[in-house]
């Protein structure tokens, strides 16, 4: 596997590493007994709060990760119920990308102003989806 060292790619790698450390290695805390010291599992609602944080983090990371969250929300066979419930929100309640960012992406990709490329373009979203 070849990794790109472009700045854009490095930021994405950092985001993925942070996500894995935050959510993917809680077994390390349990195995060392640190979870008891940190009182992570015993707090009321801690699992649900952490699950919602995961959904928010995936949404913040972008459409590909929202799609991953949507897929994971269908896997109640290996994810705990609080995680499945939190990720289920990504099926139909995702925040739309801000209009300024949409404009910037379109103009960057097309190499011209939107007014030159489209006769009409409504920046007010009708709905929000992970991939369009």
Protein backbone atom coordinates (compact mmCIF):
# COMPACT_ATOMS: atom_id res chain seq x y z
CA UNK A 1 0.00 0.00 0.00
CA UNK A 2 1.35 3.41 -0.95
CA UNK A 3 0.56 6.40 1.25
CA UNK A 4 0.40 9.88 -0.21
CA UNK A 5 2.48 12.48 1.59
CA UNK A 6 0.49 15.44 0.26
CA UNK A 7 -0.60 17.83 3.04
CA UNK A 8 -4.26 17.10 2.35
CA UNK A 9 -3.63 13.37 2.75
CA UNK A 10 -1.59 13.84 5.92
CA UNK A 11 -4.48 15.70 7.56
CA UNK A 12 -6.83 12.86 6.62
CA UNK A 13 -4.41 10.25 8.04
CA UNK A 14 -4.29 12.25 11.28
CA UNK A 15 -8.09 12.30 11.46
CA UNK A 16 -8.29 8.55 10.90
CA UNK A 17 -5.59 7.85 13.50
CA UNK A 18 -7.39 10.05 16.03
CA UNK A 19 -10.68 8.25 15.36
CA UNK A 20 -9.06 4.83 15.81
CA UNK A 21 -7.35 5.87 19.02
CA UNK A 22 -10.50 7.42 20.43
CA UNK A 23 -12.91 4.61 19.59
CA UNK A 24 -11.04 1.60 18.32
CA UNK A 25 -8.75 0.75 21.19
CA UNK A 26 -10.88 0.91 24.31
CA UNK A 27 -9.83 -2.72 24.85
CA UNK A 28 -6.43 -1.42 25.93
CA UNK A 29 -8.05 0.49 28.79
CA UNK A 30 -10.02 -2.56 29.88
CA UNK A 31 -7.04 -4.93 29.63
CA UNK A 32 -4.86 -2.72 31.81
CA UNK A 33 -7.62 -1.96 34.31
CA UNK A 34 -7.43 1.77 33.60
CA UNK A 35 -11.10 1.95 32.67
CA UNK A 36 -11.99 1.49 36.35
CA UNK A 37 -9.63 4.28 37.34
CA UNK A 38 -11.05 6.58 34.71
CA UNK A 39 -14.64 5.63 35.61
CA UNK A 40 -15.49 5.35 31.91
CA UNK A 41 -17.93 2.45 31.92
CA UNK A 42 -19.71 3.17 35.21
CA UNK A 43 -21.02 6.65 34.48
CA UNK A 44 -24.74 6.67 33.65
CA UNK A 45 -25.14 7.33 29.93
CA UNK A 46 -21.38 7.12 29.25
CA UNK A 47 -21.80 4.53 26.49
CA UNK A 48 -24.57 6.51 24.79
CA UNK A 49 -22.59 9.76 25.03
CA UNK A 50 -19.49 8.14 23.56
CA UNK A 51 -21.60 6.58 20.80
CA UNK A 52 -23.06 9.98 19.91
CA UNK A 53 -19.55 11.45 19.87
CA UNK A 54 -18.60 8.77 17.34
CA UNK A 55 -21.52 9.77 15.09
CA UNK A 56 -20.56 13.45 15.36
CA UNK A 57 -16.89 12.69 14.62
CA UNK A 58 -17.79 10.61 11.56
CA UNK A 59 -20.06 13.39 10.32
CA UNK A 60 -17.29 15.96 10.84
CA UNK A 61 -14.85 13.83 8.85
CA UNK A 62 -17.02 13.95 5.75
CA UNK A 63 -19.26 11.98 3.42
CA UNK A 64 -17.16 8.81 3.18
CA UNK A 65 -17.15 8.46 6.96
CA UNK A 66 -20.88 9.22 7.18
CA UNK A 67 -21.38 6.36 4.74
CA UNK A 68 -19.22 4.13 6.97
CA UNK A 69 -21.35 5.14 9.98
CA UNK A 70 -24.53 4.35 8.02
CA UNK A 71 -23.18 0.91 7.19
CA UNK A 72 -22.14 0.26 10.78
CA UNK A 73 -25.58 1.32 12.02
CA UNK A 74 -27.02 -1.75 10.31
CA UNK A 75 -24.69 -4.11 12.18
CA UNK A 76 -26.41 -4.69 15.50
CA UNK A 77 -24.92 -8.17 15.41
CA UNK A 78 -21.49 -6.90 16.46
CA UNK A 79 -21.99 -3.37 17.78
CA UNK A 80 -23.64 -2.52 21.09
CA UNK A 81 -27.15 -0.99 20.95
CA UNK A 82 -26.06 2.55 22.00
CA UNK A 83 -23.62 2.69 19.06
CA UNK A 84 -26.16 1.36 16.56
CA UNK A 85 -28.75 3.89 17.79
CA UNK A 86 -26.33 6.82 17.58
CA UNK A 87 -25.09 5.86 14.12
CA UNK A 88 -28.66 5.33 12.87
CA UNK A 89 -29.03 9.13 12.97
CA UNK A 90 -26.60 9.27 10.06
CA UNK A 91 -29.17 7.49 7.89
CA UNK A 92 -31.40 10.53 7.56
CA UNK A 93 -30.31 13.40 9.82
CA UNK A 94 -26.94 14.64 8.55
CA UNK A 95 -26.08 18.33 8.66
CA UNK A 96 -25.70 19.82 5.16
CA UNK A 97 -22.35 21.19 4.03
CA UNK A 98 -22.26 24.99 4.40
CA UNK A 99 -23.13 26.85 1.19
CA UNK A 100 -19.76 28.66 1.12
CA UNK A 101 -17.93 25.33 1.16
CA UNK A 102 -20.17 23.96 -1.61
CA UNK A 103 -19.40 27.03 -3.72
CA UNK A 104 -15.65 26.73 -3.06
CA UNK A 105 -15.58 23.02 -3.97
CA UNK A 106 -17.59 23.48 -7.17
CA UNK A 107 -15.52 26.45 -8.33
CA UNK A 108 -12.25 24.68 -7.51
CA UNK A 109 -13.27 21.50 -9.33
CA UNK A 110 -14.68 23.30 -12.38
CA UNK A 111 -11.96 25.92 -12.51
CA UNK A 112 -14.42 28.78 -12.97
CA UNK A 113 -17.02 30.79 -11.10
CA UNK A 114 -20.37 29.10 -10.57
CA UNK A 115 -22.14 31.90 -12.42
CA UNK A 116 -20.15 30.98 -15.56
CA UNK A 117 -20.88 27.25 -15.26
CA UNK A 118 -24.58 27.34 -14.32
CA UNK A 119 -27.52 29.48 -15.38
CA UNK A 120 -29.07 28.92 -11.96
CA UNK A 121 -27.78 27.22 -8.81
CA UNK A 122 -29.71 27.27 -5.54
CA UNK A 123 -27.32 27.00 -2.58
CA UNK A 124 -30.21 26.31 -0.19
CA UNK A 125 -30.24 22.51 0.29
CA UNK A 126 -33.46 20.60 -0.31
CA UNK A 127 -32.11 17.68 1.70
CA UNK A 128 -28.85 16.33 3.00
CA UNK A 129 -27.24 13.05 1.99
CA UNK A 130 -23.85 11.53 2.61
CA UNK A 131 -23.06 10.99 -1.05
CA UNK A 132 -24.83 12.64 -3.92
